Amino acid sequence: MSVRLYVGNLPYNITDQDLEQLFTDVGEVVSARVITDRDTGRSRGFGFVEMADQQSADAAIREYDGKLYQNRELTVNVARPQAERGERGEGGRRSREVGGMREDRRRGRDRR
């Protein structure tokens, strides 16, 4: 059973391939993904590595958590499950219909 790891404080120039190569030294990597900004394509400084088994994941945490990589101290731990995202209104604001009018909770005003 594979284990997904969170890897934080990554250098901004790292690629998916660099991340995968780094973790193959401690075990079999199923996948490696650096999270990027959708507008600029630049790394957001964190990513996820899926290790093939628990032993490889434990070895990766021991080896890389708190270690320097390109002058940055990495954070490596078991990734938490992604939280469900609620529905969003227009423009990303949470809103609801009230009596035929739209109430914008974020700004406290009614919109028609």
PDB file of N, CA and C in Angstrom:
ATOM      1  N   MET A   1       0.846  -1.185   0.000  1.00  0.00           N
ATOM      2  CA  MET A   1       0.000   0.000   0.000  1.00  0.00           C
ATOM      3  C   MET A   1       0.888   1.244   0.000  1.00  0.00           C
ATOM      4  N   SER A   2       0.651   2.152  -0.924  1.00  0.00           N
ATOM      5  CA  SER A   2       1.487   3.344  -1.048  1.00  0.00           C
ATOM      6  C   SER A   2       1.142   4.367   0.037  1.00  0.00           C
ATOM      7  N   VAL A   3       2.110   5.240   0.317  1.00  0.00           N
ATOM      8  CA  VAL A   3       1.964   6.272   1.338  1.00  0.00           C
ATOM      9  C   VAL A   3       2.307   7.613   0.701  1.00  0.00           C
ATOM     10  N   ARG A   4       1.414   8.583   0.857  1.00  0.00           N
ATOM     11  CA  ARG A   4       1.613   9.918   0.284  1.00  0.00           C
ATOM     12  C   ARG A   4       2.273  10.814   1.320  1.00  0.00           C
ATOM     13  N   LEU A   5       3.363  11.473   0.920  1.00  0.00           N
ATOM     14  CA  LEU A   5       4.103  12.360   1.800  1.00  0.00           C
ATOM     15  C   LEU A   5       3.977  13.804   1.342  1.00  0.00           C
ATOM     16  N   TYR A   6       3.887  14.704   2.303  1.00  0.00           N
ATOM     17  CA  TYR A   6       3.953  16.142   2.047  1.00  0.00           C
ATOM     18  C   TYR A   6       5.415  16.548   2.153  1.00  0.00           C
ATOM     19  N   VAL A   7       5.890  17.344   1.206  1.00  0.00           N
ATOM     20  CA  VAL A   7       7.260  17.848   1.239  1.00  0.00           C
ATOM     21  C   VAL A   7       7.194  19.370   1.136  1.00  0.00           C
ATOM     22  N   GLY A   8       7.581  20.050   2.210  1.00  0.00           N
ATOM     23  CA  GLY A   8       7.494  21.501   2.252  1.00  0.00           C
ATOM     24  C   GLY A   8       8.851  22.180   2.271  1.00  0.00           C
ATOM     25  N   ASN A   9       8.813  23.484   2.002  1.00  0.00           N
ATOM     26  CA  ASN A   9       9.988  24.356   1.972  1.00  0.00           C
ATOM     27  C   ASN A   9      10.942  23.956   0.841  1.00  0.00           C
ATOM     28  N   LEU A  10      10.369  23.582  -0.284  1.00  0.00           N
ATOM     29  CA  LEU A  10      11.170  23.216  -1.454  1.00  0.00           C
ATOM     30  C   LEU A  10      11.709  24.469  -2.135  1.00  0.00           C
ATOM     31  N   PRO A  11      12.868  24.358  -2.794  1.00  0.00           N
ATOM     32  CA  PRO A  11      13.354  25.485  -3.592  1.00  0.00           C
ATOM     33  C   PRO A  11      12.376  25.755  -4.734  1.00  0.00           C
ATOM     34  N   TYR A  12      12.264  27.009  -5.137  1.00  0.00           N
ATOM     35  CA  TYR A  12      11.277  27.377  -6.153  1.00  0.00           C
ATOM     36  C   TYR A  12      11.645  26.908  -7.559  1.00  0.00           C
ATOM     37  N   ASN A  13      12.879  26.476  -7.772  1.00  0.00           N
ATOM     38  CA  ASN A  13      13.282  26.021  -9.101  1.00  0.00           C
ATOM     39  C   ASN A  13      13.214  24.500  -9.253  1.00  0.00           C
ATOM     40  N   ILE A  14      12.710  23.781  -8.263  1.00  0.00           N
ATOM     41  CA  ILE A  14      12.661  22.322  -8.319  1.00  0.00           C
ATOM     42  C   ILE A  14      11.567  21.847  -9.284  1.00  0.00           C
ATOM     43  N   THR A  15      11.823  20.733  -9.949  1.00  0.00           N
ATOM     44  CA  THR A  15      10.850  20.144 -10.877  1.00  0.00           C
ATOM     45  C   THR A  15      10.333  18.828 -10.300  1.00  0.00           C
ATOM     46  N   ASP A  16       9.287  18.301 -10.908  1.00  0.00           N
ATOM     47  CA  ASP A  16       8.765  16.995 -10.511  1.00  0.00           C
ATOM     48  C   ASP A  16       9.861  15.930 -10.593  1.00  0.00           C
ATOM     49  N   GLN A  17      10.648  15.991 -11.657  1.00  0.00           N
ATOM     50  CA  GLN A  17      11.703  15.003 -11.861  1.00  0.00           C
ATOM     51  C   GLN A  17      12.784  15.111 -10.775  1.00  0.00           C
ATOM     52  N   ASP A  18      13.145  16.348 -10.397  1.00  0.00           N
ATOM     53  CA  ASP A  18      14.134  16.546  -9.328  1.00  0.00           C
ATOM     54  C   ASP A  18      13.633  15.955  -8.021  1.00  0.00           C
ATOM     55  N   LEU A  19      12.369  16.198  -7.722  1.00  0.00           N
ATOM     56  CA  LEU A  19      11.769  15.698  -6.485  1.00  0.00           C
ATOM     57  C   LEU A  19      11.739  14.176  -6.482  1.00  0.00           C
ATOM     58  N   GLU A  20      11.345  13.598  -7.596  1.00  0.00           N
ATOM     59  CA  GLU A  20      11.322  12.134  -7.701  1.00  0.00           C
ATOM     60  C   GLU A  20      12.727  11.558  -7.516  1.00  0.00           C
ATOM     61  N   GLN A  21      13.698  12.147  -8.176  1.00  0.00           N
ATOM     62  CA  GLN A  21      15.075  11.654  -8.085  1.00  0.00           C
ATOM     63  C   GLN A  21      15.595  11.726  -6.650  1.00  0.00           C
ATOM     64  N   LEU A  22      15.288  12.790  -5.950  1.00  0.00           N
ATOM     65  CA  LEU A  22      15.721  12.944  -4.561  1.00  0.00           C
ATOM     66  C   LEU A  22      15.212  11.797  -3.698  1.00  0.00           C
ATOM     67  N   PHE A  23      13.952  11.426  -3.858  1.00  0.00           N
ATOM     68  CA  PHE A  23      13.342  10.407  -2.998  1.00  0.00           C
ATOM     69  C   PHE A  23      13.625   8.974  -3.444  1.00  0.00           C
ATOM     70  N   THR A  24      14.088   8.757  -4.667  1.00  0.00           N
ATOM     71  CA  THR A  24      14.406   7.391  -5.094  1.00  0.00           C
ATOM     72  C   THR A  24      15.614   6.838  -4.347  1.00  0.00           C
ATOM     73  N   ASP A  25      16.386   7.706  -3.707  1.00  0.00           N
ATOM     74  CA  ASP A  25      17.535   7.251  -2.928  1.00  0.00           C
ATOM     75  C   ASP A  25      17.120   6.452  -1.692  1.00  0.00           C
ATOM     76  N   VAL A  26      15.880   6.612  -1.232  1.00  0.00           N
ATOM     77  CA  VAL A  26      15.438   5.915  -0.012  1.00  0.00           C
ATOM     78  C   VAL A  26      14.381   4.846  -0.266  1.00  0.00           C
ATOM     79  N   GLY A  27      13.861   4.758  -1.481  1.00  0.00           N
ATOM     80  CA  GLY A  27      12.845   3.749  -1.761  1.00  0.00           C
ATOM     81  C   GLY A  27      12.171   3.989  -3.102  1.00  0.00           C
ATOM     82  N   GLU A  28      11.206   3.132  -3.408  1.00  0.00           N
ATOM     83  CA  GLU A  28      10.496   3.227  -4.678  1.00  0.00           C
ATOM     84  C   GLU A  28       9.470   4.353  -4.643  1.00  0.00           C
ATOM     85  N   VAL A  29       9.584   5.256  -5.608  1.00  0.00           N
ATOM     86  CA  VAL A  29       8.666   6.388  -5.725  1.00  0.00           C
ATOM     87  C   VAL A  29       7.593   6.044  -6.753  1.00  0.00           C
ATOM     88  N   VAL A  30       6.331   6.143  -6.345  1.00  0.00           N
ATOM     89  CA  VAL A  30       5.211   5.906  -7.252  1.00  0.00           C
ATOM     90  C   VAL A  30       4.945   7.159  -8.081  1.00  0.00           C
ATOM     91  N   SER A  31       4.967   8.327  -7.416  1.00  0.00           N
ATOM     92  CA  SER A  31       4.767   9.600  -8.107  1.00  0.00           C
ATOM     93  C   SER A  31       5.376  10.730  -7.282  1.00  0.00           C
ATOM     94  N   ALA A  32       5.699  11.821  -7.965  1.00  0.00           N
ATOM     95  CA  ALA A  32       6.230  13.015  -7.307  1.00  0.00           C
ATOM     96  C   ALA A  32       5.683  14.222  -8.047  1.00  0.00           C
ATOM     97  N   ARG A  33       5.140  15.170  -7.291  1.00  0.00           N
ATOM     98  CA  ARG A  33       4.530  16.338  -7.934  1.00  0.00           C
ATOM     99  C   ARG A  33       4.807  17.589  -7.122  1.00  0.00           C
ATOM    100  N   VAL A  34       5.406  18.579  -7.782  1.00  0.00           N
ATOM    101  CA  VAL A  34       5.616  19.892  -7.193  1.00  0.00           C
ATOM    102  C   VAL A  34       4.371  20.713  -7.509  1.00  0.00           C
ATOM    103  N   ILE A  35       3.799  21.348  -6.508  1.00  0.00           N
ATOM    104  CA  ILE A  35       2.599  22.162  -6.718  1.00  0.00           C
ATOM    105  C   ILE A  35       3.022  23.527  -7.242  1.00  0.00           C
ATOM    106  N   THR A  36       2.396  23.948  -8.332  1.00  0.00           N
ATOM    107  CA  THR A  36       2.761  25.204  -8.978  1.00  0.00           C
ATOM    108  C   THR A  36       1.595  26.185  -8.979  1.00  0.00           C
ATOM    109  N   ASP A  37       1.926  27.444  -9.085  1.00  0.00           N
ATOM    110  CA  ASP A  37       0.931  28.502  -9.200  1.00  0.00           C
ATOM    111  C   ASP A  37       0.294  28.401 -10.583  1.00  0.00           C
ATOM    112  N   ARG A  38      -1.016  28.422 -10.648  1.00  0.00           N
ATOM    113  CA  ARG A  38      -1.683  28.206 -11.939  1.00  0.00           C
ATOM    114  C   ARG A  38      -1.488  29.379 -12.903  1.00  0.00           C
ATOM    115  N   ASP A  39      -1.235  30.582 -12.378  1.00  0.00           N
ATOM    116  CA  ASP A  39      -1.047  31.741 -13.251  1.00  0.00           C
ATOM    117  C   ASP A  39       0.389  31.871 -13.756  1.00  0.00           C
ATOM    118  N   THR A  40       1.362  31.654 -12.871  1.00  0.00           N
ATOM    119  CA  THR A  40       2.763  31.867 -13.241  1.00  0.00           C
ATOM    120  C   THR A  40       3.493  30.582 -13.599  1.00  0.00           C
ATOM    121  N   GLY A  41       2.990  29.428 -13.147  1.00  0.00           N
ATOM    122  CA  GLY A  41       3.677  28.176 -13.376  1.00  0.00           C
ATOM    123  C   GLY A  41       4.853  27.949 -12.435  1.00  0.00           C
ATOM    124  N   ARG A  42       5.100  28.895 -11.541  1.00  0.00           N
ATOM    125  CA  ARG A  42       6.219  28.808 -10.597  1.00  0.00           C
ATOM    126  C   ARG A  42       5.847  27.910  -9.421  1.00  0.00           C
ATOM    127  N   SER A  43       6.830  27.199  -8.897  1.00  0.00           N
ATOM    128  CA  SER A  43       6.604  26.338  -7.739  1.00  0.00           C
ATOM    129  C   SER A  43       6.056  27.155  -6.579  1.00  0.00           C
ATOM    130  N   ARG A  44       5.157  26.549  -5.813  1.00  0.00           N
ATOM    131  CA  ARG A  44       4.622  27.200  -4.618  1.00  0.00           C
ATOM    132  C   ARG A  44       5.422  26.811  -3.377  1.00  0.00           C
ATOM    133  N   GLY A  45       6.492  26.026  -3.573  1.00  0.00           N
ATOM    134  CA  GLY A  45       7.385  25.693  -2.473  1.00  0.00           C
ATOM    135  C   GLY A  45       7.032  24.423  -1.718  1.00  0.00           C
ATOM    136  N   PHE A  46       6.094  23.651  -2.261  1.00  0.00           N
ATOM    137  CA  PHE A  46       5.769  22.371  -1.641  1.00  0.00           C
ATOM    138  C   PHE A  46       5.305  21.387  -2.702  1.00  0.00           C
ATOM    139  N   GLY A  47       5.259  20.127  -2.304  1.00  0.00           N
ATOM    140  CA  GLY A  47       4.833  19.098  -3.233  1.00  0.00           C
ATOM    141  C   GLY A  47       4.466  17.825  -2.497  1.00  0.00           C
ATOM    142  N   PHE A  48       4.181  16.782  -3.249  1.00  0.00           N
ATOM    143  CA  PHE A  48       3.775  15.500  -2.688  1.00  0.00           C
ATOM    144  C   PHE A  48       4.547  14.388  -3.375  1.00  0.00           C
ATOM    145  N   VAL A  49       4.987  13.439  -2.577  1.00  0.00           N
ATOM    146  CA  VAL A  49       5.674  12.261  -3.087  1.00  0.00           C
ATOM    147  C   VAL A  49       4.922  11.043  -2.580  1.00  0.00           C
ATOM    148  N   GLU A  50       4.591  10.144  -3.486  1.00  0.00           N
ATOM    149  CA  GLU A  50       3.924   8.904  -3.103  1.00  0.00           C
ATOM    150  C   GLU A  50       4.959   7.788  -3.123  1.00  0.00           C
ATOM    151  N   MET A  51       5.215   7.225  -1.941  1.00  0.00           N
ATOM    152  CA  MET A  51       6.181   6.136  -1.815  1.00  0.00           C
ATOM    153  C   MET A  51       5.438   4.810  -1.923  1.00  0.00           C
ATOM    154  N   ALA A  52       6.112   3.778  -2.425  1.00  0.00           N
ATOM    155  CA  ALA A  52       5.484   2.491  -2.710  1.00  0.00           C
ATOM    156  C   ALA A  52       4.996   1.762  -1.465  1.00  0.00           C
ATOM    157  N   ASP A  53       5.672   1.950  -0.330  1.00  0.00           N
ATOM    158  CA  ASP A  53       5.274   1.234   0.886  1.00  0.00           C
ATOM    159  C   ASP A  53       5.621   2.033   2.137  1.00  0.00           C
ATOM    160  N   GLN A  54       5.128   1.569   3.268  1.00  0.00           N
ATOM    161  CA  GLN A  54       5.324   2.262   4.538  1.00  0.00           C
ATOM    162  C   GLN A  54       6.806   2.351   4.921  1.00  0.00           C
ATOM    163  N   GLN A  55       7.579   1.297   4.665  1.00  0.00           N
ATOM    164  CA  GLN A  55       8.998   1.308   5.014  1.00  0.00           C
ATOM    165  C   GLN A  55       9.741   2.403   4.250  1.00  0.00           C
ATOM    166  N   SER A  56       9.443   2.553   2.982  1.00  0.00           N
ATOM    167  CA  SER A  56      10.073   3.608   2.174  1.00  0.00           C
ATOM    168  C   SER A  56       9.660   4.990   2.664  1.00  0.00           C
ATOM    169  N   ALA A  57       8.384   5.131   3.018  1.00  0.00           N
ATOM    170  CA  ALA A  57       7.895   6.415   3.522  1.00  0.00           C
ATOM    171  C   ALA A  57       8.580   6.771   4.838  1.00  0.00           C
ATOM    172  N   ASP A  58       8.686   5.806   5.745  1.00  0.00           N
ATOM    173  CA  ASP A  58       9.364   6.045   7.022  1.00  0.00           C
ATOM    174  C   ASP A  58      10.824   6.429   6.805  1.00  0.00           C
ATOM    175  N   ALA A  59      11.485   5.748   5.879  1.00  0.00           N
ATOM    176  CA  ALA A  59      12.885   6.044   5.572  1.00  0.00           C
ATOM    177  C   ALA A  59      13.031   7.456   4.999  1.00  0.00           C
ATOM    178  N   ALA A  60      12.094   7.860   4.146  1.00  0.00           N
ATOM    179  CA  ALA A  60      12.132   9.201   3.552  1.00  0.00           C
ATOM    180  C   ALA A  60      11.955  10.275   4.624  1.00  0.00           C
ATOM    181  N   ILE A  61      11.034  10.053   5.549  1.00  0.00           N
ATOM    182  CA  ILE A  61      10.820  11.023   6.629  1.00  0.00           C
ATOM    183  C   ILE A  61      12.076  11.131   7.486  1.00  0.00           C
ATOM    184  N   ARG A  62      12.648   9.993   7.863  1.00  0.00           N
ATOM    185  CA  ARG A  62      13.878   9.998   8.674  1.00  0.00           C
ATOM    186  C   ARG A  62      15.017  10.700   7.944  1.00  0.00           C
ATOM    187  N   GLU A  63      15.145  10.436   6.664  1.00  0.00           N
ATOM    188  CA  GLU A  63      16.272  10.951   5.882  1.00  0.00           C
ATOM    189  C   GLU A  63      16.142  12.442   5.559  1.00  0.00           C
ATOM    190  N   TYR A  64      14.941  12.911   5.220  1.00  0.00           N
ATOM    191  CA  TYR A  64      14.806  14.252   4.662  1.00  0.00           C
ATOM    192  C   TYR A  64      14.129  15.292   5.549  1.00  0.00           C
ATOM    193  N   ASP A  65      13.354  14.889   6.533  1.00  0.00           N
ATOM    194  CA  ASP A  65      12.707  15.890   7.388  1.00  0.00           C
ATOM    195  C   ASP A  65      13.763  16.648   8.190  1.00  0.00           C
ATOM    196  N   GLY A  66      13.803  17.960   8.003  1.00  0.00           N
ATOM    197  CA  GLY A  66      14.767  18.806   8.704  1.00  0.00           C
ATOM    198  C   GLY A  66      16.126  18.902   8.039  1.00  0.00           C
ATOM    199  N   LYS A  67      16.323  18.209   6.934  1.00  0.00           N
ATOM    200  CA  LYS A  67      17.611  18.229   6.218  1.00  0.00           C
ATOM    201  C   LYS A  67      17.661  19.389   5.234  1.00  0.00           C
ATOM    202  N   LEU A  68      18.867  19.898   5.009  1.00  0.00           N
ATOM    203  CA  LEU A  68      19.060  20.961   4.033  1.00  0.00           C
ATOM    204  C   LEU A  68      19.098  20.385   2.627  1.00  0.00           C
ATOM    205  N   TYR A  69      18.377  21.035   1.727  1.00  0.00           N
ATOM    206  CA  TYR A  69      18.406  20.713   0.308  1.00  0.00           C
ATOM    207  C   TYR A  69      18.446  22.041  -0.430  1.00  0.00           C
ATOM    208  N   GLN A  70      19.507  22.303  -1.152  1.00  0.00           N
ATOM    209  CA  GLN A  70      19.713  23.583  -1.837  1.00  0.00           C
ATOM    210  C   GLN A  70      19.484  24.753  -0.876  1.00  0.00           C
ATOM    211  N   ASN A  71      20.099  24.663   0.296  1.00  0.00           N
ATOM    212  CA  ASN A  71      20.054  25.707   1.334  1.00  0.00           C
ATOM    213  C   ASN A  71      18.661  25.947   1.922  1.00  0.00           C
ATOM    214  N   ARG A  72      17.778  24.965   1.831  1.00  0.00           N
ATOM    215  CA  ARG A  72      16.443  25.068   2.432  1.00  0.00           C
ATOM    216  C   ARG A  72      16.208  23.843   3.298  1.00  0.00           C
ATOM    217  N   GLU A  73      15.688  24.057   4.507  1.00  0.00           N
ATOM    218  CA  GLU A  73      15.403  22.962   5.430  1.00  0.00           C
ATOM    219  C   GLU A  73      14.046  22.357   5.089  1.00  0.00           C
ATOM    220  N   LEU A  74      14.058  21.130   4.604  1.00  0.00           N
ATOM    221  CA  LEU A  74      12.831  20.472   4.155  1.00  0.00           C
ATOM    222  C   LEU A  74      11.945  20.045   5.322  1.00  0.00           C
ATOM    223  N   THR A  75      10.670  20.035   5.066  1.00  0.00           N
ATOM    224  CA  THR A  75       9.673  19.456   5.962  1.00  0.00           C
ATOM    225  C   THR A  75       9.074  18.262   5.233  1.00  0.00           C
ATOM    226  N   VAL A  76       9.157  17.087   5.846  1.00  0.00           N
ATOM    227  CA  VAL A  76       8.608  15.884   5.220  1.00  0.00           C
ATOM    228  C   VAL A  76       7.785  15.142   6.257  1.00  0.00           C
ATOM    229  N   ASN A  77       6.517  14.909   5.951  1.00  0.00           N
ATOM    230  CA  ASN A  77       5.652  14.124   6.825  1.00  0.00           C
ATOM    231  C   ASN A  77       4.542  13.478   6.015  1.00  0.00           C
ATOM    232  N   VAL A  78       3.793  12.605   6.663  1.00  0.00           N
ATOM    233  CA  VAL A  78       2.672  11.942   5.987  1.00  0.00           C
ATOM    234  C   VAL A  78       1.630  12.997   5.652  1.00  0.00           C
ATOM    235  N   ALA A  79       1.179  13.008   4.416  1.00  0.00           N
ATOM    236  CA  ALA A  79       0.197  13.997   3.959  1.00  0.00           C
ATOM    237  C   ALA A  79      -1.161  13.724   4.583  1.00  0.00           C
ATOM    238  N   ARG A  80      -1.833  14.788   4.961  1.00  0.00           N
ATOM    239  CA  ARG A  80      -3.209  14.660   5.454  1.00  0.00           C
ATOM    240  C   ARG A  80      -4.134  14.531   4.259  1.00  0.00           C
ATOM    241  N   PRO A  81      -5.283  13.867   4.445  1.00  0.00           N
ATOM    242  CA  PRO A  81      -6.245  13.775   3.333  1.00  0.00           C
ATOM    243  C   PRO A  81      -6.729  15.171   2.953  1.00  0.00           C
ATOM    244  N   GLN A  82      -6.979  15.380   1.672  1.00  0.00           N
ATOM    245  CA  GLN A  82      -7.464  16.667   1.202  1.00  0.00           C
ATOM    246  C   GLN A  82      -8.876  16.899   1.716  1.00  0.00           C
ATOM    247  N   ALA A  83      -9.101  18.061   2.298  1.00  0.00           N
ATOM    248  CA  ALA A  83     -10.426  18.397   2.829  1.00  0.00           C
ATOM    249  C   ALA A  83     -11.389  18.628   1.673  1.00  0.00           C
ATOM    250  N   GLU A  84     -12.648  18.267   1.909  1.00  0.00           N
ATOM    251  CA  GLU A  84     -13.658  18.523   0.888  1.00  0.00           C
ATOM    252  C   GLU A  84     -13.849  20.014   0.757  1.00  0.00           C
ATOM    253  N   ARG A  85     -14.045  20.448  -0.451  1.00  0.00           N
ATOM    254  CA  ARG A  85     -14.265  21.870  -0.690  1.00  0.00           C
ATOM    255  C   ARG A  85     -15.759  22.121  -0.799  1.00  0.00           C
ATOM    256  N   GLY A  86     -16.239  23.157  -0.122  1.00  0.00           N
ATOM    257  CA  GLY A  86     -17.648  23.514  -0.186  1.00  0.00           C
ATOM    258  C   GLY A  86     -17.961  24.211  -1.488  1.00  0.00           C
ATOM    259  N   GLU A  87     -19.237  24.399  -1.733  1.00  0.00           N
ATOM    260  CA  GLU A  87     -19.640  25.104  -2.945  1.00  0.00           C
ATOM    261  C   GLU A  87     -19.284  26.568  -2.806  1.00  0.00           C
ATOM    262  N   ARG A  88     -18.949  27.174  -3.902  1.00  0.00           N
ATOM    263  CA  ARG A  88     -18.594  28.584  -3.897  1.00  0.00           C
ATOM    264  C   ARG A  88     -19.550  29.332  -4.820  1.00  0.00           C
ATOM    265  N   GLY A  89     -19.828  30.548  -4.439  1.00  0.00           N
ATOM    266  CA  GLY A  89     -20.685  31.393  -5.261  1.00  0.00           C
ATOM    267  C   GLY A  89     -19.880  32.097  -6.332  1.00  0.00           C
ATOM    268  N   GLU A  90     -20.486  33.078  -6.949  1.00  0.00           N
ATOM    269  CA  GLU A  90     -19.858  33.845  -8.009  1.00  0.00           C
ATOM    270  C   GLU A  90     -18.560  34.491  -7.534  1.00  0.00           C
ATOM    271  N   GLY A  91     -17.515  34.384  -8.312  1.00  0.00           N
ATOM    272  CA  GLY A  91     -16.250  35.024  -7.982  1.00  0.00           C
ATOM    273  C   GLY A  91     -15.551  34.409  -6.783  1.00  0.00           C
ATOM    274  N   GLY A  92     -15.907  33.190  -6.404  1.00  0.00           N
ATOM    275  CA  GLY A  92     -15.252  32.539  -5.288  1.00  0.00           C
ATOM    276  C   GLY A  92     -15.817  32.930  -3.932  1.00  0.00           C
ATOM    277  N   ARG A  93     -16.795  33.831  -3.899  1.00  0.00           N
ATOM    278  CA  ARG A  93     -17.380  34.237  -2.620  1.00  0.00           C
ATOM    279  C   ARG A  93     -18.504  33.294  -2.241  1.00  0.00           C
ATOM    280  N   ARG A  94     -18.611  33.014  -0.959  1.00  0.00           N
ATOM    281  CA  ARG A  94     -19.725  32.189  -0.491  1.00  0.00           C
ATOM    282  C   ARG A  94     -20.959  33.076  -0.413  1.00  0.00           C
ATOM    283  N   SER A  95     -22.022  32.649  -1.020  1.00  0.00           N
ATOM    284  CA  SER A  95     -23.233  33.455  -1.017  1.00  0.00           C
ATOM    285  C   SER A  95     -24.443  32.543  -0.992  1.00  0.00           C
ATOM    286  N   ARG A  96     -25.604  33.128  -0.741  1.00  0.00           N
ATOM    287  CA  ARG A  96     -26.833  32.346  -0.742  1.00  0.00           C
ATOM    288  C   ARG A  96     -27.978  33.235  -1.193  1.00  0.00           C
ATOM    289  N   GLU A  97     -28.978  32.600  -1.738  1.00  0.00           N
ATOM    290  CA  GLU A  97     -30.172  33.317  -2.163  1.00  0.00           C
ATOM    291  C   GLU A  97     -31.059  33.577  -0.960  1.00  0.00           C
ATOM    292  N   VAL A  98     -31.538  34.813  -0.823  1.00  0.00           N
ATOM    293  CA  VAL A  98     -32.432  35.184   0.268  1.00  0.00           C
ATOM    294  C   VAL A  98     -33.577  35.997  -0.325  1.00  0.00           C
ATOM    295  N   GLY A  99     -34.771  35.431  -0.309  1.00  0.00           N
ATOM    296  CA  GLY A  99     -35.958  36.153  -0.791  1.00  0.00           C
ATOM    297  C   GLY A  99     -35.809  36.704  -2.193  1.00  0.00           C
ATOM    298  N   GLY A 100     -35.223  35.949  -3.090  1.00  0.00           N
ATOM    299  CA  GLY A 100     -35.072  36.407  -4.465  1.00  0.00           C
ATOM    300  C   GLY A 100     -33.863  37.303  -4.671  1.00  0.00           C
ATOM    301  N   MET A 101     -33.194  37.667  -3.578  1.00  0.00           N
ATOM    302  CA  MET A 101     -31.991  38.498  -3.697  1.00  0.00           C
ATOM    303  C   MET A 101     -30.792  37.681  -3.236  1.00  0.00           C
ATOM    304  N   ARG A 102     -29.692  38.056  -3.658  1.00  0.00           N
ATOM    305  CA  ARG A 102     -28.477  37.346  -3.298  1.00  0.00           C
ATOM    306  C   ARG A 102     -27.774  38.073  -2.161  1.00  0.00           C
ATOM    307  N   GLU A 103     -27.521  37.372  -1.090  1.00  0.00           N
ATOM    308  CA  GLU A 103     -26.824  37.973   0.036  1.00  0.00           C
ATOM    309  C   GLU A 103     -25.346  37.616  -0.050  1.00  0.00           C
ATOM    310  N   ASP A 104     -24.518  38.618  -0.078  1.00  0.00           N
ATOM    311  CA  ASP A 104     -23.071  38.410  -0.130  1.00  0.00           C
ATOM    312  C   ASP A 104     -22.551  38.462   1.300  1.00  0.00           C
ATOM    313  N   ARG A 105     -22.283  37.282   1.872  1.00  0.00           N
ATOM    314  CA  ARG A 105     -21.866  37.195   3.271  1.00  0.00           C
ATOM    315  C   ARG A 105     -20.522  37.840   3.529  1.00  0.00           C
ATOM    316  N   ARG A 106     -19.667  37.812   2.568  1.00  0.00           N
ATOM    317  CA  ARG A 106     -18.321  38.321   2.755  1.00  0.00           C
ATOM    318  C   ARG A 106     -18.308  39.834   2.970  1.00  0.00           C
ATOM    319  N   ARG A 107     -19.139  40.528   2.240  1.00  0.00           N
ATOM    320  CA  ARG A 107     -19.132  41.990   2.322  1.00  0.00           C
ATOM    321  C   ARG A 107     -20.344  42.550   3.038  1.00  0.00           C
ATOM    322  N   GLY A 108     -21.275  41.677   3.457  1.00  0.00           N
ATOM    323  CA  GLY A 108     -22.427  42.114   4.222  1.00  0.00           C
ATOM    324  C   GLY A 108     -23.394  42.992   3.465  1.00  0.00           C
ATOM    325  N   ARG A 109     -23.561  42.755   2.187  1.00  0.00           N
ATOM    326  CA  ARG A 109     -24.499  43.569   1.418  1.00  0.00           C
ATOM    327  C   ARG A 109     -25.298  42.685   0.487  1.00  0.00           C
ATOM    328  N   ASP A 110     -26.390  43.152   0.020  1.00  0.00           N
ATOM    329  CA  ASP A 110     -27.255  42.411  -0.895  1.00  0.00           C
ATOM    330  C   ASP A 110     -26.853  42.727  -2.336  1.00  0.00           C
ATOM    331  N   ARG A 111     -26.967  41.708  -3.158  1.00  0.00           N
ATOM    332  CA  ARG A 111     -26.712  41.889  -4.584  1.00  0.00           C
ATOM    333  C   ARG A 111     -27.918  41.397  -5.345  1.00  0.00           C
ATOM    334  N   ARG A 112     -28.277  42.036  -6.411  1.00  0.00           N
ATOM    335  CA  ARG A 112     -29.401  41.635  -7.247  1.00  0.00           C
ATOM    336  C   ARG A 112     -28.913  41.033  -8.522  1.00  0.00           C
TER     337      ARG A 112
END
